[in-house]
N, C-alpha and C. Protein backbone atom coordinates (compact mmCIF):
# COMPACT_ATOMS: atom_id res chain seq x y z
N MET A 1 -2.46 -21.05 16.18
CA MET A 1 -2.50 -21.04 14.71
C MET A 1 -3.59 -20.09 14.23
N LEU A 2 -3.25 -19.27 13.25
CA LEU A 2 -4.20 -18.28 12.73
C LEU A 2 -5.24 -18.96 11.84
N SER A 3 -6.52 -18.69 12.11
CA SER A 3 -7.59 -19.26 11.30
C SER A 3 -8.27 -18.15 10.50
N LEU A 4 -8.33 -18.32 9.19
CA LEU A 4 -8.93 -17.30 8.33
C LEU A 4 -10.23 -17.76 7.69
N ASN A 5 -10.64 -18.97 7.98
CA ASN A 5 -11.82 -19.54 7.31
C ASN A 5 -13.12 -18.84 7.66
N LYS A 6 -13.12 -18.07 8.75
CA LYS A 6 -14.35 -17.38 9.15
C LYS A 6 -14.60 -16.12 8.32
N TYR A 7 -13.62 -15.73 7.50
CA TYR A 7 -13.76 -14.49 6.73
C TYR A 7 -14.30 -14.76 5.33
N SER A 8 -15.15 -13.83 4.86
CA SER A 8 -15.79 -13.97 3.55
C SER A 8 -15.08 -13.18 2.46
N HIS A 9 -14.19 -12.26 2.86
CA HIS A 9 -13.50 -11.43 1.87
C HIS A 9 -12.24 -10.86 2.51
N PHE A 10 -11.19 -10.74 1.70
CA PHE A 10 -9.95 -10.13 2.16
C PHE A 10 -9.71 -8.83 1.39
N LEU A 11 -9.30 -7.79 2.12
CA LEU A 11 -8.96 -6.50 1.53
C LEU A 11 -7.47 -6.27 1.69
N MET A 12 -6.80 -6.03 0.58
CA MET A 12 -5.34 -5.91 0.57
C MET A 12 -4.91 -4.50 0.19
N ASP A 13 -4.02 -3.92 1.00
CA ASP A 13 -3.35 -2.71 0.56
C ASP A 13 -2.50 -3.05 -0.67
N TYR A 14 -2.03 -2.05 -1.36
CA TYR A 14 -1.28 -2.28 -2.60
C TYR A 14 0.20 -1.91 -2.47
N ASP A 15 0.48 -0.61 -2.38
CA ASP A 15 1.87 -0.15 -2.32
C ASP A 15 2.56 -0.62 -1.04
N GLY A 16 3.67 -1.33 -1.19
CA GLY A 16 4.44 -1.75 -0.03
C GLY A 16 4.02 -3.09 0.53
N LEU A 17 2.78 -3.47 0.30
CA LEU A 17 2.29 -4.77 0.78
C LEU A 17 2.33 -5.81 -0.33
N ILE A 18 1.81 -5.45 -1.51
CA ILE A 18 1.79 -6.36 -2.65
C ILE A 18 2.96 -6.10 -3.59
N VAL A 19 3.15 -4.86 -3.96
CA VAL A 19 4.26 -4.50 -4.86
C VAL A 19 5.27 -3.62 -4.14
N ASP A 20 6.52 -3.78 -4.51
CA ASP A 20 7.59 -2.98 -3.91
C ASP A 20 7.72 -1.66 -4.66
N SER A 21 6.63 -0.92 -4.67
CA SER A 21 6.59 0.35 -5.41
C SER A 21 7.40 1.43 -4.72
N GLU A 22 7.63 1.28 -3.41
CA GLU A 22 8.37 2.31 -2.68
C GLU A 22 9.75 2.51 -3.30
N LYS A 23 10.35 1.43 -3.79
CA LYS A 23 11.68 1.52 -4.41
C LYS A 23 11.63 2.40 -5.66
N LEU A 24 10.58 2.23 -6.46
CA LEU A 24 10.46 3.04 -7.67
C LEU A 24 10.07 4.48 -7.35
N TYR A 25 9.19 4.65 -6.35
CA TYR A 25 8.82 6.01 -5.94
C TYR A 25 10.06 6.77 -5.46
N PHE A 26 10.91 6.07 -4.70
CA PHE A 26 12.13 6.71 -4.21
C PHE A 26 13.05 7.08 -5.38
N GLU A 27 13.13 6.21 -6.36
CA GLU A 27 13.97 6.50 -7.53
C GLU A 27 13.48 7.74 -8.26
N THR A 28 12.16 7.91 -8.36
CA THR A 28 11.64 9.11 -9.04
C THR A 28 11.93 10.37 -8.23
N TRP A 29 11.93 10.26 -6.90
CA TRP A 29 12.32 11.40 -6.08
C TRP A 29 13.79 11.73 -6.28
N CYS A 30 14.63 10.70 -6.40
CA CYS A 30 16.07 10.93 -6.58
C CYS A 30 16.36 11.73 -7.84
N ARG A 31 15.50 11.64 -8.83
CA ARG A 31 15.72 12.37 -10.09
C ARG A 31 15.61 13.88 -9.89
N VAL A 32 14.92 14.31 -8.84
CA VAL A 32 14.69 15.75 -8.65
C VAL A 32 15.37 16.31 -7.41
N LEU A 33 16.06 15.45 -6.64
CA LEU A 33 16.67 15.89 -5.39
C LEU A 33 18.19 15.83 -5.45
N ASN A 34 18.86 16.74 -4.71
CA ASN A 34 20.30 16.64 -4.58
C ASN A 34 20.67 15.52 -3.60
N GLU A 35 21.95 15.29 -3.40
CA GLU A 35 22.40 14.14 -2.60
C GLU A 35 21.86 14.19 -1.17
N GLU A 36 21.92 15.36 -0.55
CA GLU A 36 21.42 15.49 0.82
C GLU A 36 19.92 15.24 0.87
N GLY A 37 19.20 15.76 -0.11
CA GLY A 37 17.76 15.55 -0.17
C GLY A 37 17.39 14.10 -0.32
N GLN A 38 18.19 13.35 -1.06
CA GLN A 38 17.95 11.92 -1.23
C GLN A 38 18.06 11.18 0.11
N LYS A 39 19.00 11.60 0.93
CA LYS A 39 19.17 10.98 2.25
C LYS A 39 17.95 11.27 3.13
N VAL A 40 17.50 12.52 3.10
CA VAL A 40 16.31 12.90 3.88
C VAL A 40 15.10 12.12 3.39
N CYS A 41 14.94 12.04 2.09
CA CYS A 41 13.80 11.36 1.49
C CYS A 41 13.79 9.87 1.84
N GLN A 42 14.96 9.25 1.80
CA GLN A 42 15.05 7.82 2.08
C GLN A 42 14.57 7.48 3.49
N ARG A 43 14.82 8.39 4.42
CA ARG A 43 14.40 8.16 5.81
C ARG A 43 12.91 8.40 6.01
N PHE A 44 12.31 9.20 5.14
CA PHE A 44 10.97 9.72 5.42
C PHE A 44 9.88 9.24 4.48
N HIS A 45 10.20 8.87 3.25
CA HIS A 45 9.17 8.79 2.20
C HIS A 45 8.24 7.59 2.32
N GLU A 46 8.65 6.48 2.93
CA GLU A 46 7.83 5.27 2.92
C GLU A 46 6.48 5.49 3.59
N GLY A 47 5.42 5.16 2.87
CA GLY A 47 4.08 5.26 3.42
C GLY A 47 3.52 6.67 3.47
N LYS A 48 4.29 7.65 2.96
CA LYS A 48 3.86 9.04 3.02
C LYS A 48 3.33 9.50 1.66
N HIS A 49 2.33 10.37 1.71
CA HIS A 49 1.80 10.92 0.46
C HIS A 49 2.81 11.91 -0.13
N GLU A 50 2.73 12.08 -1.42
CA GLU A 50 3.67 12.93 -2.15
C GLU A 50 3.74 14.35 -1.58
N SER A 51 2.61 14.90 -1.19
CA SER A 51 2.60 16.27 -0.66
C SER A 51 3.37 16.38 0.65
N GLU A 52 3.30 15.33 1.48
CA GLU A 52 4.05 15.31 2.74
C GLU A 52 5.55 15.27 2.48
N VAL A 53 5.95 14.42 1.53
CA VAL A 53 7.37 14.31 1.20
C VAL A 53 7.88 15.63 0.62
N TYR A 54 7.07 16.24 -0.24
CA TYR A 54 7.46 17.50 -0.88
C TYR A 54 7.78 18.57 0.17
N GLU A 55 6.94 18.69 1.17
CA GLU A 55 7.16 19.70 2.21
C GLU A 55 8.45 19.43 2.97
N ARG A 56 8.81 18.16 3.11
CA ARG A 56 10.02 17.80 3.85
C ARG A 56 11.30 18.01 3.02
N VAL A 57 11.21 17.86 1.71
CA VAL A 57 12.43 17.86 0.89
C VAL A 57 12.52 19.04 -0.08
N ARG A 58 11.59 19.95 -0.05
CA ARG A 58 11.54 21.01 -1.07
C ARG A 58 12.81 21.88 -1.09
N LEU A 59 13.51 21.97 0.04
CA LEU A 59 14.74 22.76 0.10
C LEU A 59 15.90 22.07 -0.61
N TYR A 60 15.73 20.81 -0.95
CA TYR A 60 16.81 20.03 -1.55
C TYR A 60 16.59 19.74 -3.04
N LEU A 61 15.63 20.42 -3.65
CA LEU A 61 15.34 20.19 -5.07
C LEU A 61 16.51 20.66 -5.94
N ARG A 62 16.79 19.92 -7.00
CA ARG A 62 17.85 20.32 -7.94
C ARG A 62 17.50 21.63 -8.63
N GLN A 63 16.21 21.85 -8.85
CA GLN A 63 15.73 23.12 -9.40
C GLN A 63 14.36 23.41 -8.81
N ASP A 64 14.01 24.68 -8.79
CA ASP A 64 12.74 25.07 -8.18
C ASP A 64 11.56 24.50 -8.98
N MET A 65 10.74 23.69 -8.32
CA MET A 65 9.57 23.09 -8.97
C MET A 65 8.41 23.09 -8.00
N THR A 66 7.22 23.32 -8.51
CA THR A 66 6.03 23.25 -7.67
C THR A 66 5.66 21.79 -7.44
N LEU A 67 4.79 21.57 -6.48
CA LEU A 67 4.32 20.21 -6.22
C LEU A 67 3.64 19.63 -7.45
N GLU A 68 2.86 20.45 -8.15
CA GLU A 68 2.17 19.98 -9.35
C GLU A 68 3.16 19.56 -10.43
N GLU A 69 4.22 20.35 -10.62
CA GLU A 69 5.23 20.02 -11.62
C GLU A 69 5.96 18.72 -11.27
N ILE A 70 6.30 18.58 -10.00
CA ILE A 70 6.98 17.36 -9.56
C ILE A 70 6.07 16.16 -9.70
N SER A 71 4.81 16.33 -9.36
CA SER A 71 3.85 15.23 -9.44
C SER A 71 3.74 14.70 -10.87
N LYS A 72 3.63 15.61 -11.83
CA LYS A 72 3.53 15.21 -13.24
C LYS A 72 4.81 14.52 -13.71
N TYR A 73 5.94 15.08 -13.32
CA TYR A 73 7.23 14.51 -13.73
C TYR A 73 7.42 13.12 -13.14
N ARG A 74 7.15 12.99 -11.84
CA ARG A 74 7.34 11.70 -11.17
C ARG A 74 6.37 10.65 -11.71
N ALA A 75 5.13 11.05 -12.00
CA ALA A 75 4.15 10.11 -12.55
C ALA A 75 4.63 9.57 -13.89
N SER A 76 5.20 10.46 -14.71
CA SER A 76 5.72 10.05 -16.01
C SER A 76 6.89 9.08 -15.86
N MET A 77 7.79 9.40 -14.92
CA MET A 77 8.95 8.53 -14.70
C MET A 77 8.52 7.18 -14.13
N PHE A 78 7.55 7.19 -13.22
CA PHE A 78 7.06 5.94 -12.62
C PHE A 78 6.45 5.05 -13.70
N ASP A 79 5.61 5.63 -14.55
CA ASP A 79 4.99 4.87 -15.64
C ASP A 79 6.06 4.25 -16.54
N GLU A 80 7.11 5.00 -16.78
CA GLU A 80 8.20 4.51 -17.64
C GLU A 80 8.90 3.31 -16.99
N LEU A 81 9.14 3.39 -15.68
CA LEU A 81 9.80 2.30 -14.97
C LEU A 81 8.93 1.05 -14.93
N VAL A 82 7.62 1.25 -14.72
CA VAL A 82 6.69 0.11 -14.71
C VAL A 82 6.64 -0.53 -16.10
N ALA A 83 6.60 0.30 -17.14
CA ALA A 83 6.56 -0.21 -18.52
C ALA A 83 7.81 -1.02 -18.85
N LYS A 84 8.93 -0.69 -18.21
CA LYS A 84 10.18 -1.43 -18.41
C LYS A 84 10.24 -2.70 -17.58
N GLY A 85 9.17 -2.97 -16.81
CA GLY A 85 9.13 -4.19 -16.02
C GLY A 85 9.90 -4.13 -14.72
N GLN A 86 10.14 -2.92 -14.21
CA GLN A 86 10.95 -2.78 -13.01
C GLN A 86 10.14 -2.83 -11.71
N LEU A 87 8.82 -2.89 -11.81
CA LEU A 87 7.99 -3.03 -10.62
C LEU A 87 7.98 -4.51 -10.22
N GLU A 88 8.30 -4.79 -8.95
CA GLU A 88 8.39 -6.17 -8.48
C GLU A 88 7.42 -6.42 -7.34
N LEU A 89 7.01 -7.67 -7.21
CA LEU A 89 6.18 -8.07 -6.08
C LEU A 89 7.02 -8.11 -4.82
N VAL A 90 6.40 -7.81 -3.69
CA VAL A 90 7.06 -7.97 -2.40
C VAL A 90 7.37 -9.45 -2.20
N GLU A 91 8.53 -9.74 -1.66
CA GLU A 91 8.95 -11.12 -1.49
C GLU A 91 7.94 -11.92 -0.66
N GLY A 92 7.55 -13.07 -1.18
CA GLY A 92 6.63 -13.95 -0.46
C GLY A 92 5.17 -13.68 -0.69
N VAL A 93 4.84 -12.55 -1.32
CA VAL A 93 3.42 -12.17 -1.42
C VAL A 93 2.66 -13.05 -2.42
N LYS A 94 3.34 -13.56 -3.44
CA LYS A 94 2.66 -14.41 -4.42
C LYS A 94 2.09 -15.66 -3.74
N GLY A 95 2.87 -16.26 -2.85
CA GLY A 95 2.39 -17.42 -2.10
C GLY A 95 1.23 -17.07 -1.19
N LEU A 96 1.31 -15.89 -0.57
CA LEU A 96 0.23 -15.45 0.31
C LEU A 96 -1.05 -15.23 -0.48
N LEU A 97 -0.95 -14.60 -1.64
CA LEU A 97 -2.14 -14.37 -2.46
C LEU A 97 -2.79 -15.69 -2.87
N GLY A 98 -1.97 -16.66 -3.22
CA GLY A 98 -2.51 -17.96 -3.60
C GLY A 98 -3.24 -18.63 -2.46
N LYS A 99 -2.67 -18.53 -1.26
CA LYS A 99 -3.31 -19.13 -0.09
C LYS A 99 -4.62 -18.43 0.24
N LEU A 100 -4.61 -17.11 0.24
CA LEU A 100 -5.82 -16.35 0.56
C LEU A 100 -6.91 -16.59 -0.47
N GLN A 101 -6.53 -16.67 -1.74
CA GLN A 101 -7.52 -16.88 -2.80
C GLN A 101 -8.22 -18.23 -2.64
N SER A 102 -7.53 -19.19 -2.05
CA SER A 102 -8.14 -20.51 -1.84
C SER A 102 -9.17 -20.50 -0.71
N ILE A 103 -9.18 -19.40 0.06
CA ILE A 103 -10.10 -19.29 1.21
C ILE A 103 -11.29 -18.40 0.89
N ALA A 104 -11.03 -17.24 0.30
CA ALA A 104 -12.10 -16.26 0.04
C ALA A 104 -11.66 -15.28 -1.04
N PRO A 105 -12.60 -14.56 -1.65
CA PRO A 105 -12.24 -13.55 -2.66
C PRO A 105 -11.42 -12.42 -2.05
N MET A 106 -10.70 -11.71 -2.91
CA MET A 106 -9.85 -10.60 -2.48
C MET A 106 -10.12 -9.36 -3.31
N SER A 107 -9.93 -8.20 -2.68
CA SER A 107 -9.98 -6.92 -3.39
C SER A 107 -8.85 -6.04 -2.87
N ILE A 108 -8.49 -5.04 -3.65
CA ILE A 108 -7.45 -4.09 -3.26
C ILE A 108 -8.07 -2.81 -2.72
N VAL A 109 -7.49 -2.28 -1.65
CA VAL A 109 -7.87 -0.96 -1.12
C VAL A 109 -6.60 -0.10 -1.10
N SER A 110 -6.54 0.90 -1.97
CA SER A 110 -5.27 1.60 -2.18
C SER A 110 -5.41 3.12 -2.17
N ASN A 111 -4.36 3.77 -1.66
CA ASN A 111 -4.27 5.22 -1.73
C ASN A 111 -3.87 5.71 -3.12
N SER A 112 -3.44 4.79 -3.97
CA SER A 112 -3.09 5.16 -5.34
C SER A 112 -4.35 5.24 -6.20
N VAL A 113 -4.25 5.95 -7.31
CA VAL A 113 -5.39 6.02 -8.23
C VAL A 113 -5.50 4.71 -8.99
N LYS A 114 -6.69 4.44 -9.52
CA LYS A 114 -6.96 3.12 -10.11
C LYS A 114 -6.06 2.82 -11.31
N ASP A 115 -5.77 3.81 -12.15
CA ASP A 115 -4.93 3.57 -13.32
C ASP A 115 -3.56 3.00 -12.93
N ILE A 116 -2.98 3.56 -11.87
CA ILE A 116 -1.67 3.10 -11.42
C ILE A 116 -1.74 1.67 -10.91
N VAL A 117 -2.78 1.36 -10.15
CA VAL A 117 -2.94 0.01 -9.61
C VAL A 117 -3.17 -0.99 -10.75
N GLU A 118 -4.02 -0.62 -11.69
CA GLU A 118 -4.29 -1.51 -12.83
C GLU A 118 -3.02 -1.81 -13.62
N ASP A 119 -2.23 -0.77 -13.89
CA ASP A 119 -0.98 -0.97 -14.62
C ASP A 119 -0.03 -1.87 -13.84
N GLY A 120 0.01 -1.68 -12.52
CA GLY A 120 0.92 -2.44 -11.68
C GLY A 120 0.57 -3.92 -11.59
N ILE A 121 -0.70 -4.21 -11.41
CA ILE A 121 -1.08 -5.63 -11.27
C ILE A 121 -0.97 -6.36 -12.61
N ARG A 122 -1.16 -5.62 -13.71
CA ARG A 122 -0.93 -6.23 -15.03
C ARG A 122 0.55 -6.50 -15.24
N SER A 123 1.37 -5.52 -14.88
CA SER A 123 2.81 -5.63 -15.08
C SER A 123 3.40 -6.80 -14.30
N THR A 124 2.85 -7.06 -13.12
CA THR A 124 3.38 -8.13 -12.26
C THR A 124 2.60 -9.44 -12.40
N GLY A 125 1.58 -9.45 -13.26
CA GLY A 125 0.87 -10.69 -13.57
C GLY A 125 -0.05 -11.19 -12.48
N ILE A 126 -0.62 -10.30 -11.67
CA ILE A 126 -1.47 -10.76 -10.56
C ILE A 126 -2.90 -10.25 -10.68
N GLU A 127 -3.29 -9.75 -11.84
CA GLU A 127 -4.64 -9.17 -11.97
C GLU A 127 -5.73 -10.19 -11.71
N GLY A 128 -5.44 -11.47 -11.90
CA GLY A 128 -6.47 -12.50 -11.71
C GLY A 128 -6.81 -12.80 -10.27
N TYR A 129 -6.08 -12.22 -9.34
CA TYR A 129 -6.33 -12.51 -7.93
C TYR A 129 -7.43 -11.64 -7.32
N PHE A 130 -7.76 -10.53 -7.95
CA PHE A 130 -8.59 -9.53 -7.28
C PHE A 130 -9.94 -9.31 -7.97
N ASN A 131 -10.99 -9.30 -7.15
CA ASN A 131 -12.34 -9.08 -7.66
C ASN A 131 -12.64 -7.61 -7.90
N ASN A 132 -12.11 -6.74 -7.04
CA ASN A 132 -12.40 -5.31 -7.11
C ASN A 132 -11.15 -4.50 -6.77
N LEU A 133 -11.12 -3.28 -7.28
CA LEU A 133 -10.08 -2.32 -6.92
C LEU A 133 -10.76 -1.09 -6.33
N PHE A 134 -10.56 -0.87 -5.04
CA PHE A 134 -11.09 0.32 -4.36
C PHE A 134 -9.92 1.27 -4.16
N CYS A 135 -9.94 2.40 -4.87
CA CYS A 135 -8.78 3.28 -4.93
C CYS A 135 -9.15 4.72 -4.62
N PHE A 136 -8.10 5.51 -4.37
CA PHE A 136 -8.29 6.94 -4.14
C PHE A 136 -8.92 7.59 -5.37
N SER A 137 -9.85 8.50 -5.12
CA SER A 137 -10.46 9.29 -6.19
C SER A 137 -10.94 10.60 -5.59
N ASP A 138 -11.61 11.41 -6.39
CA ASP A 138 -12.12 12.67 -5.86
C ASP A 138 -13.32 12.45 -4.93
N LYS A 139 -13.77 11.21 -4.83
CA LYS A 139 -14.93 10.91 -3.97
C LYS A 139 -14.54 10.31 -2.62
N VAL A 140 -13.31 9.85 -2.50
CA VAL A 140 -12.86 9.27 -1.23
C VAL A 140 -11.51 9.84 -0.84
N ARG A 141 -11.36 10.11 0.45
CA ARG A 141 -10.09 10.62 0.95
C ARG A 141 -9.11 9.47 1.16
N ARG A 142 -7.84 9.82 1.15
CA ARG A 142 -6.80 8.81 1.36
C ARG A 142 -6.78 8.35 2.82
N LYS A 143 -6.27 7.15 3.04
CA LYS A 143 -6.00 6.68 4.39
C LYS A 143 -5.04 7.67 5.05
N PRO A 144 -5.16 7.95 6.33
CA PRO A 144 -5.88 7.20 7.37
C PRO A 144 -7.38 7.45 7.46
N SER A 145 -7.94 8.24 6.54
CA SER A 145 -9.40 8.32 6.49
C SER A 145 -9.95 6.92 6.23
N PRO A 146 -11.07 6.57 6.84
CA PRO A 146 -11.67 5.25 6.59
C PRO A 146 -12.50 5.19 5.31
N ASP A 147 -12.49 6.26 4.51
CA ASP A 147 -13.38 6.34 3.34
C ASP A 147 -13.28 5.12 2.42
N ILE A 148 -12.05 4.73 2.07
CA ILE A 148 -11.88 3.62 1.12
C ILE A 148 -12.42 2.32 1.70
N TYR A 149 -12.19 2.12 2.99
CA TYR A 149 -12.73 0.92 3.63
C TYR A 149 -14.25 0.96 3.71
N ASN A 150 -14.78 2.11 4.05
CA ASN A 150 -16.25 2.24 4.10
C ASN A 150 -16.87 1.99 2.72
N LEU A 151 -16.20 2.48 1.68
CA LEU A 151 -16.67 2.24 0.32
C LEU A 151 -16.65 0.75 -0.01
N ALA A 152 -15.56 0.09 0.35
CA ALA A 152 -15.43 -1.34 0.06
C ALA A 152 -16.51 -2.15 0.78
N VAL A 153 -16.71 -1.86 2.06
CA VAL A 153 -17.73 -2.58 2.84
C VAL A 153 -19.10 -2.39 2.23
N SER A 154 -19.40 -1.15 1.82
CA SER A 154 -20.70 -0.86 1.22
C SER A 154 -20.90 -1.60 -0.10
N LYS A 155 -19.87 -1.55 -0.96
CA LYS A 155 -19.98 -2.20 -2.27
C LYS A 155 -20.04 -3.72 -2.16
N LEU A 156 -19.30 -4.28 -1.22
CA LEU A 156 -19.29 -5.73 -1.05
C LEU A 156 -20.54 -6.24 -0.36
N ASN A 157 -21.21 -5.32 0.37
CA ASN A 157 -22.44 -5.67 1.08
C ASN A 157 -22.22 -6.83 2.05
N LEU A 158 -21.13 -6.71 2.82
CA LEU A 158 -20.79 -7.73 3.81
C LEU A 158 -20.67 -7.09 5.19
N LYS A 159 -20.83 -7.90 6.23
CA LYS A 159 -20.62 -7.41 7.58
C LYS A 159 -19.12 -7.16 7.79
N LYS A 160 -18.82 -6.11 8.54
CA LYS A 160 -17.42 -5.72 8.72
C LYS A 160 -16.59 -6.83 9.36
N ASN A 161 -17.20 -7.56 10.30
CA ASN A 161 -16.43 -8.60 10.99
C ASN A 161 -16.24 -9.86 10.14
N SER A 162 -16.81 -9.86 8.92
CA SER A 162 -16.59 -10.98 8.02
C SER A 162 -15.50 -10.67 6.99
N ILE A 163 -14.91 -9.47 7.13
CA ILE A 163 -13.86 -9.02 6.22
C ILE A 163 -12.55 -8.89 7.01
N LEU A 164 -11.44 -9.27 6.40
CA LEU A 164 -10.13 -9.09 7.03
C LEU A 164 -9.24 -8.27 6.10
N ALA A 165 -8.62 -7.23 6.67
CA ALA A 165 -7.74 -6.36 5.89
C ALA A 165 -6.28 -6.68 6.19
N PHE A 166 -5.43 -6.39 5.21
CA PHE A 166 -3.98 -6.52 5.37
C PHE A 166 -3.34 -5.20 4.98
N GLU A 167 -2.54 -4.66 5.88
CA GLU A 167 -1.91 -3.36 5.66
C GLU A 167 -0.43 -3.41 6.07
N ASP A 168 0.35 -2.45 5.59
CA ASP A 168 1.76 -2.39 5.96
C ASP A 168 2.16 -1.04 6.55
N SER A 169 1.21 -0.13 6.72
CA SER A 169 1.53 1.21 7.22
C SER A 169 0.60 1.61 8.35
N ASP A 170 1.04 2.59 9.13
CA ASP A 170 0.20 3.07 10.23
C ASP A 170 -1.08 3.70 9.71
N SER A 171 -0.98 4.44 8.59
CA SER A 171 -2.18 5.08 8.04
C SER A 171 -3.20 4.03 7.59
N GLY A 172 -2.72 2.93 7.03
CA GLY A 172 -3.61 1.87 6.59
C GLY A 172 -4.28 1.15 7.75
N VAL A 173 -3.49 0.85 8.77
CA VAL A 173 -4.05 0.20 9.97
C VAL A 173 -5.09 1.09 10.62
N ILE A 174 -4.78 2.37 10.74
CA ILE A 174 -5.71 3.32 11.35
C ILE A 174 -7.00 3.40 10.54
N ALA A 175 -6.88 3.44 9.22
CA ALA A 175 -8.07 3.52 8.35
C ALA A 175 -8.98 2.31 8.55
N ALA A 176 -8.39 1.12 8.56
CA ALA A 176 -9.19 -0.10 8.75
C ALA A 176 -9.86 -0.09 10.11
N ARG A 177 -9.12 0.28 11.13
CA ARG A 177 -9.68 0.31 12.49
C ARG A 177 -10.81 1.31 12.60
N LYS A 178 -10.63 2.48 12.01
CA LYS A 178 -11.69 3.50 12.05
C LYS A 178 -12.96 3.00 11.38
N ALA A 179 -12.78 2.17 10.35
CA ALA A 179 -13.94 1.63 9.62
C ALA A 179 -14.53 0.42 10.32
N GLY A 180 -13.86 -0.06 11.36
CA GLY A 180 -14.37 -1.23 12.08
C GLY A 180 -14.07 -2.55 11.41
N VAL A 181 -13.05 -2.56 10.53
CA VAL A 181 -12.67 -3.77 9.81
C VAL A 181 -11.45 -4.40 10.49
N PRO A 182 -11.49 -5.67 10.85
CA PRO A 182 -10.32 -6.33 11.44
C PRO A 182 -9.13 -6.24 10.49
N VAL A 183 -7.92 -6.07 11.04
CA VAL A 183 -6.76 -5.84 10.19
C VAL A 183 -5.53 -6.55 10.75
N ILE A 184 -4.69 -7.04 9.85
CA ILE A 184 -3.39 -7.60 10.17
C ILE A 184 -2.33 -6.75 9.49
N CYS A 185 -1.27 -6.43 10.21
CA CYS A 185 -0.18 -5.64 9.65
C CYS A 185 0.97 -6.57 9.24
N ILE A 186 1.50 -6.35 8.04
CA ILE A 186 2.67 -7.08 7.56
C ILE A 186 3.72 -6.06 7.16
N SER A 187 4.82 -5.99 7.90
CA SER A 187 5.86 -5.00 7.59
C SER A 187 7.17 -5.38 8.27
N SER A 188 8.26 -5.18 7.55
CA SER A 188 9.59 -5.42 8.14
C SER A 188 10.15 -4.15 8.76
N ASN A 189 9.40 -3.08 8.68
CA ASN A 189 9.82 -1.78 9.22
C ASN A 189 9.76 -1.81 10.75
N THR A 190 10.87 -1.51 11.41
CA THR A 190 10.90 -1.55 12.87
C THR A 190 9.98 -0.51 13.50
N LEU A 191 9.80 0.62 12.82
CA LEU A 191 8.88 1.63 13.34
C LEU A 191 7.45 1.11 13.34
N MET A 192 7.10 0.34 12.30
CA MET A 192 5.76 -0.26 12.26
C MET A 192 5.61 -1.33 13.33
N GLU A 193 6.67 -2.06 13.58
CA GLU A 193 6.63 -3.07 14.65
C GLU A 193 6.36 -2.39 15.99
N ASP A 194 7.03 -1.28 16.25
CA ASP A 194 6.81 -0.52 17.49
C ASP A 194 5.38 0.01 17.54
N PHE A 195 4.91 0.55 16.42
CA PHE A 195 3.54 1.08 16.35
C PHE A 195 2.53 -0.01 16.70
N CYS A 196 2.72 -1.19 16.14
CA CYS A 196 1.77 -2.28 16.37
C CYS A 196 1.79 -2.76 17.81
N LYS A 197 2.98 -2.82 18.39
CA LYS A 197 3.08 -3.23 19.80
C LYS A 197 2.38 -2.23 20.71
N LYS A 198 2.57 -0.95 20.44
CA LYS A 198 1.96 0.09 21.27
C LYS A 198 0.45 0.12 21.13
N ASN A 199 -0.04 -0.31 19.97
CA ASN A 199 -1.47 -0.23 19.70
C ASN A 199 -2.16 -1.59 19.70
N TYR A 200 -1.47 -2.59 20.26
CA TYR A 200 -2.05 -3.94 20.39
C TYR A 200 -2.58 -4.44 19.05
N GLN A 201 -1.75 -4.25 18.03
CA GLN A 201 -2.13 -4.60 16.66
C GLN A 201 -1.44 -5.90 16.25
N GLU A 202 -2.19 -6.85 15.69
CA GLU A 202 -1.60 -8.10 15.21
C GLU A 202 -0.61 -7.78 14.08
N TYR A 203 0.56 -8.40 14.17
CA TYR A 203 1.67 -7.97 13.32
C TYR A 203 2.53 -9.16 12.89
N PHE A 204 2.95 -9.14 11.62
CA PHE A 204 3.90 -10.12 11.09
C PHE A 204 4.97 -9.38 10.31
N ARG A 205 6.20 -9.86 10.39
CA ARG A 205 7.31 -9.16 9.73
C ARG A 205 7.35 -9.39 8.23
N SER A 206 6.71 -10.46 7.75
CA SER A 206 6.75 -10.75 6.32
C SER A 206 5.57 -11.63 5.93
N ALA A 207 5.34 -11.71 4.62
CA ALA A 207 4.31 -12.62 4.11
C ALA A 207 4.65 -14.06 4.45
N TYR A 208 5.95 -14.38 4.44
CA TYR A 208 6.38 -15.73 4.81
C TYR A 208 5.98 -16.06 6.24
N ASP A 209 6.21 -15.11 7.15
CA ASP A 209 5.86 -15.33 8.56
C ASP A 209 4.37 -15.55 8.72
N LEU A 210 3.57 -14.79 7.99
CA LEU A 210 2.12 -14.96 8.07
C LEU A 210 1.71 -16.34 7.55
N LEU A 211 2.29 -16.77 6.45
CA LEU A 211 1.97 -18.09 5.90
C LEU A 211 2.30 -19.20 6.89
N LEU A 212 3.38 -19.05 7.63
CA LEU A 212 3.78 -20.06 8.61
C LEU A 212 2.81 -20.14 9.78
N SER A 213 2.00 -19.09 9.96
CA SER A 213 1.06 -19.07 11.09
C SER A 213 -0.25 -19.78 10.78
N PHE A 214 -0.47 -20.14 9.52
CA PHE A 214 -1.73 -20.78 9.13
C PHE A 214 -1.77 -22.22 9.65
């Protein structure tokens, strides 16, 4: 049985772990890609930064657009979808957040910028669960860099082994490990399951499965 009582703080990834933002991100890509490009994007986009996806799908754009143009357009479309209430929590995560909150405080560590995270947690009604938001900015590099984790550890002023992270992507797991923070992976993605097995990483297929282990 998994024991979490020894931890003083939990750090949670955001996209894909707490909110099902990947669905909306994919929809915004579909607005600028032809049918073949949408198929390529669907196989590749999860957990990848926008610039990586752009390089993979740029040949399938409906019209010639720079990365900067696409970024602005997709950000506008994403905000519109969130404002319409289309951003949803990952199944089972509300119960997990409630359980974790009863044990120790929680904060978010995200590759997204703070404005996006703030809008998302307000839209889904979970802003009350988190003490801090540690997000990508011009001062910290995105995961798999450990920058965001190092920032969180410094600001929280806690020992690394007293913090437990939750991630759903290889870049997130790598970032936590590089920072020396214990991490649990939660993902239904078979590629992530293989990654975790190869790297001796503790892994659960869903928030429900993790809750059952308590």
